[in-house]
Structure formats: structure tokens, C-alpha cells
Amino acid sequence: MGKKLAKELKENFHYISGSYYGQISGYDIQIRYDYTSMLYNIYLNVKGKENVEELNDMLEKIDKHAVAKYKNCHLTISQSCDKHKLMPSLANKTLEVLTTYLKKHKYKNICGHCKEEKKTQLIDTDGSITYSCQDCYKSIKKKYENDLKNKKNIKENIFLGLIGSIIGCLPGFIAWLILGYFMISPSVMGLLIMLGSAYAYKYSANSMKLIGLIISILIGFIFIILANEITNAYTLYTEYVNQFDINLFDVYKAMPYYINNNEIFRNSYTQNFLLSIIFGVFGSLTNFGVHRSYVASNKVKKLEVK
């Protein structure tokens, strides 16, 4: 649908990675629709008059829900839009008013990085699409190439990373047990456990390459499974502590019996286990993200739009 809507916008817009990019009257324009707030935003990097009250007065005549803000050479126009498919028709009216205002007050289109009035082009910086001048493109590319080279030369201390990963899991693990003690579903703490495992490993080992990724994920899941076992055992303990002279360890040893012979407990245990694994899987995206920063290449490139 994005490419189809791009054709409905004024001039020549292109749909790339969830946003619409185009140029009108020499101004670089990005448009992005937000499904959560039901707003779409128009972004420009321009240098000119800071007070945009006149622009807001002009926008109010076509839509009282359209608001312009200008700060540090970044101009943003926000407008409510109940449905994504309605965005082009609303945006076209707004863009017409906007470009009229920009030309009237002689705003200058600038590079979003150096804030200089230079010819720009779309570049992809590790998935982030921006308009950049040639000088900034070269500078950004050189920096990424140097960062990549430096990261490849970093020696990964696996042992310290392992210790760090274990320590990093403890806050989430303790929070899990506290929630379990108060009978609050603690599975969401799986996200915190995996996050702690990832960043503590990276901090302790100085990097996270493939072996670090595997170790941090395994440690995270071990803590998640262990926390889930303890909270399930505690649930069983609270149910039978008044009937038998038992402790938590006794209950833990008896859990296989109840899993096999008590349908209610088995269903509860299975549900908690699956939720724990699901949150663990989502949390592991952090580990992959940290790992990717040490192995990804070709992060900066120019985008050719047709």
C-alpha cells in the first residue's frame, strides 16, 4: 500500500522503509504515518524565519488539526489522519500551503547533518534513511568504516563476558522472584533478563561476536527457566504448606509428580513456561542487535530512487 500511496502524493515521492521521501520546489521532504497516534508528520531541514505563527495560521484555514513546529532548523508539521489511505489527500493540501510559505519567506533547504545549504541525496545509514550532502555522506561513511575496523580488532574476553552475563541477569531474575512472591505474573521479566545478559556480556567482554551471542542467549534462557521453575514451585508450596510439613525444595522435587498427575497444575505450569519462552525470545532480539553492531558491514550507502 505504501508504494501506491506514494504515487498519490504531489510531485515524485518514493516509499522507503515506512516513510515517504520526495522533493518539492527544492525542499527535501519526509512524510511518516503513525498508526498509534493516528497522525502523520512532515519533516524538513530548512534554515529561515524561526517564528512559524504565520504558517500555523495558514494551516488552520485548511485543517485546524494541523500544527507546525520549528526548532534547530528542523520543521515538523503534524496533522491528524484517521486512516492511512487518507493521508495523501490531506498531505497534498498541506504541502501546497507549506511550499508557498517556504518560498515566500525564502527558507533555504539544508543538509540535516551539517546544517549547510548544499545539494543533498538520500542515504541509508544502517537502516536510517536521511537526506545528506556529499561531504556529510563521506564523513559518515568513513566513521562507520573506522568503527567497523576497530570493532573487528577488539579481542573478546569470553570468560569475563560469561561472568558479566550471569551478573547482568540477576536484576531481572530477582524482580521475577519478587513478582512471583506477590502472585503477579512475572514472565515479562524475561525481557529484562535477556537485556541484562546482552549488555553485561558486551560490557565485560568488550564486544559480542558469535560465541558471545550464543553464550548470552543461553545464560539468559537458563535464568528464565530457573526463575519459572522457582515461581511454579512456590505456587505449589503455598497451596500445600498448611497441609504438610514441607519446604520449597521438597516441593520442587515433587513437581514432576504434580505435572503428570494434576491437570490444573500441569496446565498452569505449561502456560507459564510458554509465556517465559516467548518473552525470552523477544528479549533475545536485544542480543542479536548488540551482536549485529560488531559484525555488520556496508552500513552506509546512497539510495538510488526511480
Protein backbone atom coordinates (compact mmCIF):
# COMPACT_ATOMS: atom_id res chain seq x y z
CA MET A 1 0.00 0.00 0.00
CA GLY A 2 2.92 2.35 0.71
CA LYS A 3 4.09 2.49 -2.92
CA LYS A 4 0.54 3.05 -4.10
CA LEU A 5 0.04 5.97 -1.70
CA ALA A 6 3.40 7.46 -2.70
CA LYS A 7 2.07 7.86 -6.26
CA GLU A 8 -0.89 9.86 -4.92
CA LEU A 9 1.36 12.46 -3.28
CA LYS A 10 2.41 15.68 -5.02
CA GLU A 11 5.42 15.62 -7.33
CA ASN A 12 7.54 12.46 -7.19
CA PHE A 13 7.54 10.67 -3.83
CA HIS A 14 9.05 7.28 -3.01
CA TYR A 15 8.08 4.85 -0.25
CA ILE A 16 11.14 3.56 1.62
CA SER A 17 11.20 1.74 4.96
CA GLY A 18 7.85 3.04 6.19
CA SER A 19 8.30 6.67 5.13
CA TYR A 20 7.66 8.75 2.02
CA TYR A 21 10.52 10.76 0.56
CA GLY A 22 10.30 13.44 -2.11
CA GLN A 23 11.38 16.90 -3.15
CA ILE A 24 9.09 19.85 -3.88
CA SER A 25 10.38 23.23 -5.08
CA GLY A 26 13.89 22.27 -3.99
CA TYR A 27 12.90 21.24 -0.45
CA ASP A 28 13.68 17.74 0.84
CA ILE A 29 10.55 16.27 2.43
CA GLN A 30 9.92 13.18 4.54
CA ILE A 31 6.40 12.06 5.48
CA ARG A 32 5.65 9.33 8.00
CA TYR A 33 2.31 7.98 9.22
CA ASP A 34 1.94 6.87 12.85
CA TYR A 35 -0.76 4.21 13.34
CA THR A 36 -0.64 4.55 17.13
CA SER A 37 -1.42 8.27 17.37
CA MET A 38 -3.28 8.42 14.02
CA LEU A 39 -1.09 11.34 12.99
CA TYR A 40 1.17 11.86 10.06
CA ASN A 41 4.23 14.10 10.23
CA ILE A 42 6.01 16.07 7.53
CA TYR A 43 9.71 16.65 8.22
CA LEU A 44 12.03 19.21 6.60
CA ASN A 45 15.52 20.55 7.29
CA VAL A 46 15.35 24.25 6.42
CA LYS A 47 17.02 27.46 7.53
CA GLY A 48 14.96 30.61 7.83
CA LYS A 49 12.44 32.50 9.95
CA GLU A 50 12.07 30.89 13.40
CA ASN A 51 8.58 32.17 14.17
CA VAL A 52 6.08 29.98 12.27
CA GLU A 53 2.84 31.51 13.58
CA GLU A 54 2.00 32.69 10.08
CA LEU A 55 2.42 29.15 8.79
CA ASN A 56 0.14 27.84 11.55
CA ASP A 57 -2.49 30.44 10.62
CA MET A 58 -2.30 29.28 7.01
CA LEU A 59 -2.57 25.64 8.02
CA GLU A 60 -5.53 26.32 10.31
CA LYS A 61 -7.53 27.56 7.32
CA ILE A 62 -7.33 24.12 5.69
CA ASP A 63 -7.28 21.98 8.85
CA LYS A 64 -7.47 23.14 12.46
CA HIS A 65 -5.70 19.92 13.49
CA ALA A 66 -2.52 20.74 11.53
CA VAL A 67 0.33 22.21 13.62
CA ALA A 68 3.80 23.37 12.57
CA LYS A 69 6.84 23.47 14.88
CA TYR A 70 10.30 24.83 14.06
CA LYS A 71 13.40 24.24 16.17
CA ASN A 72 17.11 23.98 15.41
CA CYS A 73 16.46 24.10 11.64
CA HIS A 74 14.01 21.19 11.88
CA LEU A 75 10.49 21.97 10.67
CA THR A 76 7.75 19.48 11.55
CA ILE A 77 4.09 19.61 10.54
CA SER A 78 1.76 17.23 12.38
CA GLN A 79 -1.79 16.54 11.21
CA SER A 80 -4.43 14.10 12.44
CA CYS A 81 -5.45 11.40 9.99
CA ASP A 82 -7.81 8.60 10.98
CA LYS A 83 -6.81 6.28 8.14
CA HIS A 84 -3.50 5.81 6.38
CA LYS A 85 -5.15 5.77 2.95
CA LEU A 86 -6.49 9.29 3.55
CA MET A 87 -3.01 10.70 4.19
CA PRO A 88 -2.07 11.65 0.59
CA SER A 89 -5.14 13.83 0.03
CA LEU A 90 -4.57 15.67 3.33
CA ALA A 91 -0.83 15.94 2.79
CA ASN A 92 -1.16 17.37 -0.72
CA LYS A 93 -3.17 20.34 0.58
CA THR A 94 -0.73 20.85 3.42
CA LEU A 95 2.31 20.60 1.13
CA GLU A 96 0.88 23.23 -1.18
CA VAL A 97 0.45 25.69 1.71
CA LEU A 98 3.82 24.73 3.15
CA THR A 99 5.86 25.27 -0.02
CA THR A 100 4.09 28.59 -0.65
CA TYR A 101 5.10 29.74 2.83
CA LEU A 102 8.70 28.49 2.49
CA LYS A 103 9.23 30.25 -0.84
CA LYS A 104 7.59 33.46 0.39
CA HIS A 105 9.96 33.70 3.35
CA LYS A 106 12.97 32.40 1.37
CA TYR A 107 13.73 29.39 3.55
CA LYS A 108 16.83 27.51 2.44
CA ASN A 109 16.91 23.74 2.12
CA ILE A 110 19.87 22.39 4.13
CA CYS A 111 21.65 19.16 4.90
CA GLY A 112 20.21 17.67 8.07
CA HIS A 113 23.69 16.76 9.34
CA CYS A 114 25.88 19.83 8.83
CA LYS A 115 23.02 22.38 8.57
CA GLU A 116 24.63 23.85 5.44
CA GLU A 117 22.89 24.79 2.21
CA LYS A 118 24.23 22.06 -0.06
CA LYS A 119 22.88 19.62 -2.62
CA THR A 120 21.53 16.56 -0.84
CA GLN A 121 20.77 12.94 -1.59
CA LEU A 122 19.06 10.12 0.27
CA ILE A 123 21.45 7.87 2.17
CA ASP A 124 20.88 4.72 4.19
CA THR A 125 22.81 4.73 7.49
CA ASP A 126 22.28 1.26 8.91
CA GLY A 127 18.56 1.36 8.11
CA SER A 128 18.06 5.03 8.98
CA ILE A 129 17.13 6.97 5.85
CA THR A 130 18.12 10.66 5.74
CA TYR A 131 18.97 13.42 3.31
CA SER A 132 22.66 14.22 3.34
CA CYS A 133 25.13 16.30 1.38
CA GLN A 134 28.13 14.66 -0.27
CA ASP A 135 30.59 15.88 2.38
CA CYS A 136 28.50 14.51 5.25
CA TYR A 137 27.95 11.26 3.38
CA LYS A 138 31.71 10.79 3.04
CA SER A 139 32.25 11.70 6.69
CA ILE A 140 29.56 9.32 7.95
CA LYS A 141 30.79 6.50 5.73
CA LYS A 142 34.38 6.98 6.86
CA LYS A 143 33.34 6.97 10.52
CA TYR A 144 31.37 3.74 10.08
CA GLU A 145 34.23 2.10 8.23
CA ASN A 146 36.65 3.07 11.01
CA ASP A 147 34.21 1.86 13.68
CA LEU A 148 33.81 -1.45 11.87
CA LYS A 149 37.57 -1.86 11.54
CA ASN A 150 38.10 -1.07 15.23
CA LYS A 151 35.36 -3.49 16.31
CA LYS A 152 36.90 -6.29 14.25
CA ASN A 153 40.22 -5.72 16.04
CA ILE A 154 38.67 -5.84 19.52
CA LYS A 155 39.55 -9.03 21.38
CA GLU A 156 36.55 -10.63 23.04
CA ASN A 157 37.17 -11.82 26.62
CA ILE A 158 34.75 -14.75 26.69
CA PHE A 159 35.34 -15.67 30.34
CA LEU A 160 34.68 -12.16 31.65
CA GLY A 161 31.73 -11.94 29.28
CA LEU A 162 30.29 -15.13 30.78
CA ILE A 163 30.63 -13.77 34.32
CA GLY A 164 29.18 -10.45 33.24
CA SER A 165 26.23 -12.14 31.56
CA ILE A 166 25.41 -14.04 34.75
CA ILE A 167 25.62 -10.87 36.85
CA GLY A 168 23.55 -8.96 34.28
CA CYS A 169 20.71 -11.47 34.58
CA LEU A 170 20.42 -11.08 38.36
CA PRO A 171 18.31 -7.86 38.49
CA GLY A 172 15.67 -9.34 36.18
CA PHE A 173 15.88 -12.68 37.98
CA ILE A 174 15.34 -11.06 41.39
CA ALA A 175 12.49 -8.91 40.05
CA TRP A 176 10.90 -12.09 38.63
CA LEU A 177 11.03 -13.81 42.04
CA ILE A 178 9.59 -10.75 43.80
CA LEU A 179 6.65 -10.60 41.40
CA GLY A 180 6.17 -14.34 41.77
CA TYR A 181 6.13 -13.97 45.57
CA PHE A 182 3.26 -11.48 45.30
CA MET A 183 1.47 -13.77 42.81
CA ILE A 184 1.88 -11.30 39.94
CA SER A 185 2.63 -12.81 36.55
CA PRO A 186 6.41 -12.32 36.25
CA SER A 187 7.05 -13.63 32.71
CA VAL A 188 7.61 -10.13 31.29
CA MET A 189 10.80 -10.02 33.36
CA GLY A 190 12.23 -12.36 30.72
CA LEU A 191 12.79 -9.20 28.65
CA LEU A 192 14.83 -7.63 31.46
CA ILE A 193 16.83 -10.81 31.99
CA MET A 194 17.82 -11.03 28.31
CA LEU A 195 18.60 -7.31 28.15
CA GLY A 196 20.86 -7.59 31.20
CA SER A 197 22.54 -10.66 29.78
CA ALA A 198 23.29 -8.94 26.46
CA TYR A 199 24.64 -5.62 27.68
CA ALA A 200 26.51 -7.03 30.68
CA TYR A 201 28.23 -9.54 28.39
CA LYS A 202 29.21 -6.81 25.92
CA TYR A 203 30.49 -4.55 28.71
CA SER A 204 32.52 -7.31 30.36
CA ALA A 205 33.87 -8.93 27.19
CA ASN A 206 34.43 -5.62 25.30
CA SER A 207 32.45 -6.96 22.34
CA MET A 208 29.87 -9.55 21.34
CA LYS A 209 30.73 -11.74 18.41
CA LEU A 210 29.09 -15.07 17.51
CA ILE A 211 30.29 -17.01 20.56
CA GLY A 212 29.21 -14.12 22.79
CA LEU A 213 25.78 -14.06 21.18
CA ILE A 214 25.32 -17.77 21.85
CA ILE A 215 26.58 -17.54 25.44
CA SER A 216 24.47 -14.51 26.37
CA ILE A 217 21.30 -16.07 24.95
CA LEU A 218 21.94 -19.41 26.68
CA ILE A 219 22.65 -17.74 30.03
CA GLY A 220 19.52 -15.63 29.67
CA PHE A 221 17.30 -18.63 28.95
CA ILE A 222 18.86 -20.61 31.81
CA PHE A 223 17.91 -17.82 34.23
CA ILE A 224 14.43 -17.52 32.72
CA ILE A 225 13.76 -21.26 33.03
CA LEU A 226 15.21 -21.34 36.55
CA ALA A 227 13.07 -18.38 37.65
CA ASN A 228 9.99 -20.01 36.13
CA GLU A 229 10.70 -23.27 37.96
CA ILE A 230 11.10 -21.48 41.30
CA THR A 231 7.89 -19.45 40.94
CA ASN A 232 5.91 -22.55 39.93
CA ALA A 233 7.34 -24.41 42.91
CA TYR A 234 6.40 -21.51 45.17
CA THR A 235 2.83 -21.56 43.84
CA LEU A 236 2.62 -25.27 44.71
CA TYR A 237 4.24 -24.63 48.09
CA THR A 238 1.65 -22.02 49.12
CA GLU A 239 -1.13 -24.47 48.23
CA TYR A 240 0.16 -27.35 50.39
CA VAL A 241 2.25 -25.74 53.15
CA ASN A 242 -0.69 -25.78 55.56
CA GLN A 243 -1.33 -29.49 54.91
CA PHE A 244 2.20 -30.89 55.00
CA ASP A 245 5.46 -30.18 56.80
CA ILE A 246 7.40 -29.23 53.67
CA ASN A 247 9.85 -26.66 52.40
CA LEU A 248 10.34 -25.15 48.94
CA PHE A 249 12.99 -27.69 47.99
CA ASP A 250 10.67 -30.59 48.86
CA VAL A 251 8.00 -29.08 46.63
CA TYR A 252 10.45 -28.60 43.77
CA LYS A 253 11.40 -32.29 43.90
CA ALA A 254 7.70 -33.22 43.86
CA MET A 255 6.86 -31.04 40.85
CA PRO A 256 7.24 -33.85 38.23
CA TYR A 257 4.58 -35.84 40.10
CA TYR A 258 2.11 -32.95 40.06
CA ILE A 259 2.85 -32.17 36.40
CA ASN A 260 2.00 -35.76 35.49
CA ASN A 261 -0.99 -36.22 37.79
CA ASN A 262 -2.58 -32.81 38.44
CA GLU A 263 -4.20 -31.40 35.31
CA ILE A 264 -4.79 -27.92 36.77
CA PHE A 265 -1.15 -27.55 37.84
CA ARG A 266 0.08 -29.06 34.56
CA ASN A 267 -1.90 -26.53 32.52
CA SER A 268 -0.71 -23.65 34.70
CA TYR A 269 2.90 -24.85 34.51
CA THR A 270 2.75 -25.24 30.72
CA GLN A 271 1.20 -21.80 30.24
CA ASN A 272 3.82 -20.13 32.45
CA PHE A 273 6.64 -21.99 30.68
CA LEU A 274 5.43 -20.98 27.22
CA LEU A 275 4.99 -17.34 28.27
CA SER A 276 8.50 -17.35 29.70
CA ILE A 277 9.96 -18.72 26.47
CA ILE A 278 8.01 -16.21 24.36
CA PHE A 279 9.27 -13.24 26.39
CA GLY A 280 12.74 -14.76 26.30
CA VAL A 281 12.62 -14.96 22.51
CA PHE A 282 11.51 -11.33 22.25
CA GLY A 283 14.20 -10.32 24.72
CA SER A 284 16.86 -12.11 22.69
CA LEU A 285 16.34 -9.56 19.92
CA THR A 286 18.46 -7.28 22.11
CA ASN A 287 21.28 -9.83 21.99
CA PHE A 288 21.06 -10.01 18.21
CA GLY A 289 21.04 -6.21 17.99
CA VAL A 290 24.18 -5.89 20.12
CA HIS A 291 25.87 -8.67 18.16
CA ARG A 292 24.98 -7.09 14.83
CA SER A 293 26.73 -3.85 15.75
CA TYR A 294 30.01 -5.79 15.84
CA VAL A 295 29.65 -7.77 12.63
CA ALA A 296 27.50 -5.69 10.25
CA SER A 297 29.18 -4.16 7.20
CA ASN A 298 28.16 -1.88 4.33
CA LYS A 299 26.14 0.22 6.74
CA VAL A 300 26.22 3.46 4.77
CA LYS A 301 25.13 3.74 1.15
CA LYS A 302 23.43 6.13 -1.22
CA LEU A 303 19.90 5.30 -2.27
CA GLU A 304 19.01 5.37 -5.92
CA VAL A 305 15.27 6.03 -6.29
CA LYS A 306 13.49 5.55 -9.58
